[in-house]
Amino acid sequence: MTERKAFALPVEYDLGAIAGEAAEFHSAQAQDICAGGLGIITDHPLKKGAVLRLGLPVSGPRALLPVFAEVAWAVPAADRFHAGLRFLR
């Protein structure tokens, strides 16, 4: 298991990318990151096993790195949802 590091940045994700459906973009707030995954908080409910296409911010103006991740777990928390994502290779 790798150590998680704080990663408090906004991220965008698309739920329709893998299913061949129309893009369905949502915003989230990243909480932490490690080599294997990312923790996020979002307003949209996520289901375990769902595959997301994420846009992770990298250096440079408006530069986003496209990454695919699977929802490893998701739990409601007040009016939002916490989720753990596992990066796919």
N, C-alpha and C. Protein backbone atom coordinates (compact mmCIF):
# COMPACT_ATOMS: atom_id res chain seq x y z
N MET A 1 0.84 -1.18 0.00
CA MET A 1 0.00 0.00 0.00
C MET A 1 0.89 1.24 0.00
N THR A 2 0.54 2.23 -0.81
CA THR A 2 1.34 3.45 -0.89
C THR A 2 0.73 4.54 -0.03
N GLU A 3 1.58 5.44 0.42
CA GLU A 3 1.15 6.53 1.28
C GLU A 3 0.35 7.57 0.50
N ARG A 4 -0.78 7.98 1.07
CA ARG A 4 -1.59 9.03 0.45
C ARG A 4 -1.06 10.39 0.84
N LYS A 5 -1.12 11.32 -0.10
CA LYS A 5 -0.67 12.69 0.12
C LYS A 5 -1.85 13.62 -0.09
N ALA A 6 -1.86 14.73 0.63
CA ALA A 6 -2.92 15.73 0.45
C ALA A 6 -2.90 16.21 -1.00
N PHE A 7 -4.08 16.38 -1.57
CA PHE A 7 -4.22 16.80 -2.97
C PHE A 7 -5.54 17.55 -3.08
N ALA A 8 -5.60 18.74 -2.53
CA ALA A 8 -6.86 19.50 -2.45
C ALA A 8 -7.02 20.39 -3.67
N LEU A 9 -7.44 19.79 -4.78
CA LEU A 9 -7.67 20.53 -6.02
C LEU A 9 -9.01 20.11 -6.63
N PRO A 10 -9.65 21.02 -7.37
CA PRO A 10 -10.87 20.63 -8.07
C PRO A 10 -10.53 19.72 -9.25
N VAL A 11 -11.37 18.73 -9.49
CA VAL A 11 -11.22 17.84 -10.64
C VAL A 11 -12.57 17.70 -11.33
N GLU A 12 -12.52 17.35 -12.60
CA GLU A 12 -13.73 17.05 -13.35
C GLU A 12 -13.70 15.59 -13.74
N TYR A 13 -14.89 14.97 -13.82
CA TYR A 13 -14.95 13.58 -14.27
C TYR A 13 -16.15 13.38 -15.18
N ASP A 14 -16.02 12.38 -16.05
CA ASP A 14 -17.05 12.04 -17.03
C ASP A 14 -17.51 10.61 -16.77
N LEU A 15 -18.81 10.45 -16.54
CA LEU A 15 -19.38 9.12 -16.29
C LEU A 15 -19.74 8.37 -17.57
N GLY A 16 -19.84 9.06 -18.71
CA GLY A 16 -20.28 8.41 -19.94
C GLY A 16 -19.16 7.93 -20.83
N ALA A 17 -17.91 8.18 -20.47
CA ALA A 17 -16.78 7.89 -21.35
C ALA A 17 -16.64 6.42 -21.69
N ILE A 18 -16.78 5.53 -20.75
CA ILE A 18 -16.56 4.10 -20.98
C ILE A 18 -17.78 3.44 -21.60
N ALA A 19 -18.94 3.83 -21.19
CA ALA A 19 -20.17 3.19 -21.66
C ALA A 19 -20.54 3.60 -23.08
N GLY A 20 -19.77 4.49 -23.69
CA GLY A 20 -20.08 4.94 -25.03
C GLY A 20 -21.29 5.85 -25.08
N GLU A 21 -21.63 6.43 -23.95
CA GLU A 21 -22.78 7.31 -23.86
C GLU A 21 -22.33 8.75 -24.01
N ALA A 22 -23.29 9.65 -24.08
CA ALA A 22 -22.96 11.07 -24.15
C ALA A 22 -22.19 11.47 -22.89
N ALA A 23 -21.31 12.44 -23.06
CA ALA A 23 -20.52 12.92 -21.92
C ALA A 23 -21.43 13.40 -20.81
N GLU A 24 -21.08 13.04 -19.59
CA GLU A 24 -21.83 13.44 -18.40
C GLU A 24 -20.82 13.95 -17.38
N PHE A 25 -20.46 15.23 -17.51
CA PHE A 25 -19.40 15.82 -16.69
C PHE A 25 -19.92 16.27 -15.33
N HIS A 26 -19.09 16.04 -14.31
CA HIS A 26 -19.38 16.46 -12.94
C HIS A 26 -18.10 17.01 -12.33
N SER A 27 -18.26 17.82 -11.31
CA SER A 27 -17.12 18.38 -10.59
C SER A 27 -16.95 17.68 -9.25
N ALA A 28 -15.72 17.63 -8.79
CA ALA A 28 -15.41 17.04 -7.49
C ALA A 28 -14.25 17.81 -6.88
N GLN A 29 -14.05 17.59 -5.60
CA GLN A 29 -12.91 18.16 -4.90
C GLN A 29 -12.02 16.99 -4.50
N ALA A 30 -10.81 16.96 -5.02
CA ALA A 30 -9.87 15.92 -4.62
C ALA A 30 -9.45 16.16 -3.18
N GLN A 31 -9.23 15.08 -2.44
CA GLN A 31 -8.82 15.16 -1.04
C GLN A 31 -7.41 14.64 -0.84
N ASP A 32 -7.10 13.53 -1.49
CA ASP A 32 -5.78 12.93 -1.35
C ASP A 32 -5.49 12.09 -2.58
N ILE A 33 -4.20 11.76 -2.75
CA ILE A 33 -3.77 11.01 -3.93
C ILE A 33 -2.60 10.11 -3.54
N CYS A 34 -2.47 9.00 -4.25
CA CYS A 34 -1.30 8.12 -4.12
C CYS A 34 -1.08 7.50 -5.49
N ALA A 35 -0.08 6.67 -5.62
CA ALA A 35 0.21 6.05 -6.91
C ALA A 35 -0.95 5.20 -7.41
N GLY A 36 -1.77 4.68 -6.50
CA GLY A 36 -2.84 3.78 -6.88
C GLY A 36 -4.22 4.40 -7.01
N GLY A 37 -4.40 5.65 -6.51
CA GLY A 37 -5.74 6.19 -6.58
C GLY A 37 -5.89 7.59 -6.04
N LEU A 38 -7.15 7.99 -5.89
CA LEU A 38 -7.50 9.35 -5.54
C LEU A 38 -8.75 9.33 -4.67
N GLY A 39 -8.79 10.17 -3.64
CA GLY A 39 -9.99 10.34 -2.83
C GLY A 39 -10.68 11.63 -3.25
N ILE A 40 -12.00 11.59 -3.44
CA ILE A 40 -12.74 12.77 -3.87
C ILE A 40 -14.00 12.97 -3.03
N ILE A 41 -14.53 14.19 -3.09
CA ILE A 41 -15.85 14.53 -2.56
C ILE A 41 -16.62 15.15 -3.72
N THR A 42 -17.86 14.71 -3.92
CA THR A 42 -18.66 15.20 -5.04
C THR A 42 -20.13 15.33 -4.63
N ASP A 43 -20.87 16.11 -5.40
CA ASP A 43 -22.31 16.24 -5.17
C ASP A 43 -23.10 15.12 -5.84
N HIS A 44 -22.47 14.40 -6.75
CA HIS A 44 -23.14 13.36 -7.53
C HIS A 44 -22.88 11.98 -6.93
N PRO A 45 -23.93 11.17 -6.72
CA PRO A 45 -23.71 9.83 -6.18
C PRO A 45 -22.94 8.95 -7.17
N LEU A 46 -22.00 8.19 -6.66
CA LEU A 46 -21.22 7.28 -7.49
C LEU A 46 -21.45 5.86 -7.00
N LYS A 47 -21.37 4.90 -7.92
CA LYS A 47 -21.56 3.50 -7.58
C LYS A 47 -20.24 2.76 -7.66
N LYS A 48 -20.02 1.86 -6.71
CA LYS A 48 -18.83 1.01 -6.72
C LYS A 48 -18.76 0.30 -8.06
N GLY A 49 -17.58 0.29 -8.67
CA GLY A 49 -17.36 -0.37 -9.94
C GLY A 49 -17.51 0.53 -11.15
N ALA A 50 -18.10 1.70 -10.99
CA ALA A 50 -18.23 2.63 -12.12
C ALA A 50 -16.85 3.10 -12.55
N VAL A 51 -16.67 3.29 -13.86
CA VAL A 51 -15.41 3.77 -14.40
C VAL A 51 -15.59 5.22 -14.83
N LEU A 52 -14.67 6.07 -14.39
CA LEU A 52 -14.72 7.49 -14.68
C LEU A 52 -13.51 7.91 -15.50
N ARG A 53 -13.71 8.90 -16.34
CA ARG A 53 -12.57 9.57 -16.99
C ARG A 53 -12.38 10.88 -16.24
N LEU A 54 -11.23 11.03 -15.62
CA LEU A 54 -10.93 12.22 -14.83
C LEU A 54 -10.04 13.18 -15.61
N GLY A 55 -10.19 14.45 -15.31
CA GLY A 55 -9.26 15.45 -15.79
C GLY A 55 -8.51 15.99 -14.60
N LEU A 56 -7.27 15.53 -14.40
CA LEU A 56 -6.47 15.98 -13.26
C LEU A 56 -5.64 17.19 -13.66
N PRO A 57 -5.67 18.25 -12.86
CA PRO A 57 -4.89 19.44 -13.19
C PRO A 57 -3.39 19.17 -13.08
N VAL A 58 -2.65 19.66 -14.05
CA VAL A 58 -1.18 19.58 -14.04
C VAL A 58 -0.64 20.98 -14.28
N SER A 59 0.65 21.15 -14.20
CA SER A 59 1.22 22.49 -14.37
C SER A 59 0.88 23.06 -15.74
N GLY A 60 0.73 24.36 -15.77
CA GLY A 60 0.39 25.03 -17.02
C GLY A 60 -1.03 25.53 -16.98
N PRO A 61 -1.31 26.51 -17.83
CA PRO A 61 -2.66 27.10 -17.84
C PRO A 61 -3.70 26.12 -18.38
N ARG A 62 -4.68 25.83 -17.54
CA ARG A 62 -5.82 25.00 -17.93
C ARG A 62 -5.40 23.64 -18.51
N ALA A 63 -4.28 23.10 -18.05
CA ALA A 63 -3.82 21.80 -18.53
C ALA A 63 -4.42 20.70 -17.67
N LEU A 64 -5.06 19.72 -18.32
CA LEU A 64 -5.67 18.59 -17.61
C LEU A 64 -5.10 17.29 -18.16
N LEU A 65 -4.74 16.39 -17.27
CA LEU A 65 -4.25 15.08 -17.64
C LEU A 65 -5.42 14.10 -17.60
N PRO A 66 -5.75 13.46 -18.74
CA PRO A 66 -6.86 12.49 -18.72
C PRO A 66 -6.42 11.18 -18.06
N VAL A 67 -7.21 10.71 -17.11
CA VAL A 67 -6.91 9.50 -16.36
C VAL A 67 -8.21 8.72 -16.18
N PHE A 68 -8.14 7.40 -16.27
CA PHE A 68 -9.31 6.57 -16.01
C PHE A 68 -9.18 5.95 -14.63
N ALA A 69 -10.30 5.88 -13.91
CA ALA A 69 -10.30 5.32 -12.56
C ALA A 69 -11.61 4.60 -12.30
N GLU A 70 -11.55 3.59 -11.44
CA GLU A 70 -12.73 2.83 -11.03
C GLU A 70 -13.10 3.22 -9.60
N VAL A 71 -14.39 3.35 -9.34
CA VAL A 71 -14.86 3.67 -8.00
C VAL A 71 -14.67 2.42 -7.13
N ALA A 72 -13.77 2.50 -6.15
CA ALA A 72 -13.51 1.38 -5.25
C ALA A 72 -14.53 1.35 -4.11
N TRP A 73 -14.95 2.55 -3.65
CA TRP A 73 -15.97 2.67 -2.60
C TRP A 73 -16.58 4.05 -2.70
N ALA A 74 -17.79 4.19 -2.23
CA ALA A 74 -18.48 5.48 -2.20
C ALA A 74 -19.48 5.46 -1.05
N VAL A 75 -19.49 6.54 -0.26
CA VAL A 75 -20.40 6.65 0.87
C VAL A 75 -21.00 8.05 0.93
N PRO A 76 -22.28 8.14 1.29
CA PRO A 76 -22.88 9.47 1.48
C PRO A 76 -22.32 10.12 2.74
N ALA A 77 -22.19 11.43 2.70
CA ALA A 77 -21.72 12.20 3.86
C ALA A 77 -22.42 13.55 3.83
N ALA A 78 -23.41 13.71 4.70
CA ALA A 78 -24.25 14.92 4.73
C ALA A 78 -24.91 15.08 3.36
N ASP A 79 -24.68 16.17 2.67
CA ASP A 79 -25.32 16.39 1.37
C ASP A 79 -24.37 16.13 0.21
N ARG A 80 -23.27 15.43 0.48
CA ARG A 80 -22.27 15.14 -0.55
C ARG A 80 -21.92 13.66 -0.49
N PHE A 81 -20.98 13.25 -1.32
CA PHE A 81 -20.55 11.86 -1.37
C PHE A 81 -19.03 11.79 -1.37
N HIS A 82 -18.49 10.90 -0.55
CA HIS A 82 -17.05 10.64 -0.52
C HIS A 82 -16.81 9.37 -1.32
N ALA A 83 -15.73 9.35 -2.11
CA ALA A 83 -15.42 8.17 -2.91
C ALA A 83 -13.93 7.96 -2.98
N GLY A 84 -13.55 6.69 -3.06
CA GLY A 84 -12.17 6.31 -3.29
C GLY A 84 -12.08 5.74 -4.69
N LEU A 85 -11.16 6.26 -5.48
CA LEU A 85 -11.00 5.84 -6.87
C LEU A 85 -9.67 5.11 -7.04
N ARG A 86 -9.69 4.03 -7.82
CA ARG A 86 -8.48 3.27 -8.14
C ARG A 86 -8.12 3.55 -9.58
N PHE A 87 -6.89 4.05 -9.80
CA PHE A 87 -6.45 4.34 -11.17
C PHE A 87 -6.37 3.06 -11.99
N LEU A 88 -6.79 3.13 -13.25
CA LEU A 88 -6.71 1.99 -14.16
C LEU A 88 -5.50 2.17 -15.07
N ARG A 89 -4.90 1.06 -15.45
CA ARG A 89 -3.72 1.11 -16.32
C ARG A 89 -4.05 0.62 -17.69
